[in-house]
């Protein structure tokens, strides 16, 4: 069975930092592109950023310069470092893994999510 388990969420003040982790099992982690998504109450799920199996990263405009994605293939874990947090970052954050062939997704997995709340 495949599992993606997020951790590290919590309550933080504006301007603070958090680091989220996503531990994967049941897949050959190094072959997968990994992504972070978030969903705020009453809003659609949106991409936060991603890191490919080759280590290339990309970020959504609202988090550029504040968030950083990294991966440790030896630990089967992807991280989301969040700095300078704002109230609008409040959401449930989800981890995603996908395997691509010629740019096309072949298989996709999701974690259960972890709550991040940024409040004055």
Protein backbone atom coordinates (compact mmCIF):
# COMPACT_ATOMS: atom_id res chain seq x y z
CA UNK A 1 0.00 0.00 0.00
CA UNK A 2 1.08 3.53 -0.78
CA UNK A 3 1.08 6.12 1.99
CA UNK A 4 1.90 9.82 2.07
CA UNK A 5 1.86 11.24 5.59
CA UNK A 6 2.12 14.99 6.20
CA UNK A 7 3.28 16.48 9.48
CA UNK A 8 4.49 19.78 10.91
CA UNK A 9 1.36 21.88 10.69
CA UNK A 10 0.13 24.05 13.52
CA UNK A 11 -0.70 27.54 14.71
CA UNK A 12 1.75 30.35 14.02
CA UNK A 13 1.71 34.15 14.15
CA UNK A 14 2.04 36.28 11.01
CA UNK A 15 5.67 36.56 10.02
CA UNK A 16 6.50 33.21 11.57
CA UNK A 17 7.79 30.01 10.01
CA UNK A 18 6.84 26.35 9.77
CA UNK A 19 8.36 23.35 8.04
CA UNK A 20 6.04 20.67 6.72
CA UNK A 21 7.19 17.14 6.01
CA UNK A 22 5.69 14.43 3.83
CA UNK A 23 6.96 10.90 4.32
CA UNK A 24 6.23 8.45 1.52
CA UNK A 25 6.13 4.67 1.59
CA UNK A 26 5.17 2.00 -0.92
CA UNK A 27 6.74 3.79 -3.90
CA UNK A 28 10.20 4.18 -5.39
CA UNK A 29 10.37 7.72 -4.09
CA UNK A 30 13.27 8.92 -6.23
CA UNK A 31 11.27 8.31 -9.42
CA UNK A 32 8.35 10.54 -8.44
CA UNK A 33 7.62 14.21 -8.83
CA UNK A 34 6.41 15.63 -5.50
CA UNK A 35 4.04 18.52 -4.95
CA UNK A 36 2.43 20.57 -2.22
CA UNK A 37 -1.14 21.82 -2.51
CA UNK A 38 -3.38 23.71 -0.12
CA UNK A 39 -7.08 24.29 0.37
CA UNK A 40 -8.56 27.08 2.46
CA UNK A 41 -12.15 26.99 3.76
CA UNK A 42 -14.58 27.78 0.96
CA UNK A 43 -11.86 27.82 -1.68
CA UNK A 44 -10.55 25.45 -4.33
CA UNK A 45 -7.43 23.39 -3.84
CA UNK A 46 -4.43 25.15 -5.35
CA UNK A 47 -0.86 24.24 -6.19
CA UNK A 48 1.72 25.66 -3.79
CA UNK A 49 4.81 24.26 -5.48
CA UNK A 50 6.48 21.13 -6.76
CA UNK A 51 9.84 19.43 -7.10
CA UNK A 52 10.53 16.96 -9.88
CA UNK A 53 12.38 13.67 -9.62
CA UNK A 54 15.34 15.56 -11.09
CA UNK A 55 15.23 18.27 -8.43
CA UNK A 56 13.70 21.12 -10.44
CA UNK A 57 11.33 23.31 -8.40
CA UNK A 58 8.46 25.61 -9.24
CA UNK A 59 6.19 27.75 -7.07
CA UNK A 60 2.87 29.52 -7.26
CA UNK A 61 3.17 33.30 -7.36
CA UNK A 62 1.66 33.93 -3.88
CA UNK A 63 4.44 31.96 -2.18
CA UNK A 64 7.46 32.78 -4.35
CA UNK A 65 10.32 34.05 -2.25
CA UNK A 66 8.74 32.81 0.98
CA UNK A 67 8.36 29.03 0.57
CA UNK A 68 10.98 26.46 -0.40
CA UNK A 69 10.49 22.83 -1.44
CA UNK A 70 13.22 20.26 -0.97
CA UNK A 71 13.50 16.48 -0.96
CA UNK A 72 15.62 13.85 0.73
CA UNK A 73 15.47 10.68 -1.32
CA UNK A 74 17.34 8.70 1.34
CA UNK A 75 14.49 9.44 3.76
CA UNK A 76 11.66 9.23 1.21
CA UNK A 77 10.59 12.67 2.39
CA UNK A 78 9.69 15.99 0.80
CA UNK A 79 9.67 19.24 2.78
CA UNK A 80 7.94 22.59 2.53
CA UNK A 81 9.73 25.37 4.39
CA UNK A 82 7.33 28.27 4.93
CA UNK A 83 8.69 31.65 6.00
CA UNK A 84 7.09 35.07 6.44
CA UNK A 85 3.70 33.45 6.87
CA UNK A 86 0.55 35.47 6.26
CA UNK A 87 -3.04 34.91 7.40
CA UNK A 88 -3.96 34.09 3.80
CA UNK A 89 -1.63 31.08 3.99
CA UNK A 90 -4.10 29.44 6.38
CA UNK A 91 -5.23 26.17 4.79
CA UNK A 92 -4.99 22.42 4.88
CA UNK A 93 -1.77 21.48 3.12
CA UNK A 94 -1.61 18.28 1.07
CA UNK A 95 1.29 16.26 -0.26
CA UNK A 96 1.14 14.78 -3.77
CA UNK A 97 3.27 12.25 -5.63
CA UNK A 98 3.06 11.47 -9.32
CA UNK A 99 4.95 9.44 -11.88
CA UNK A 100 5.23 10.76 -15.44
CA UNK A 101 6.14 9.33 -18.82
CA UNK A 102 6.78 11.83 -21.62
CA UNK A 103 5.22 14.52 -19.47
CA UNK A 104 2.01 12.59 -18.86
CA UNK A 105 0.93 11.50 -15.37
CA UNK A 106 0.79 7.71 -15.07
CA UNK A 107 -0.13 7.39 -11.40
CA UNK A 108 -0.90 9.86 -8.61
CA UNK A 109 -1.16 9.68 -4.81
CA UNK A 110 -2.30 12.09 -2.09
CA UNK A 111 -1.72 12.50 1.61
CA UNK A 112 -4.37 13.21 4.23
CA UNK A 113 -3.39 16.83 4.80
CA UNK A 114 -2.11 18.89 7.71
CA UNK A 115 -3.64 22.10 9.05
CA UNK A 116 -1.69 25.36 8.98
CA UNK A 117 -3.25 28.33 10.76
CA UNK A 118 -1.69 31.80 10.66
CA UNK A 119 -3.40 34.08 13.14
CA UNK A 120 -2.48 37.36 14.89
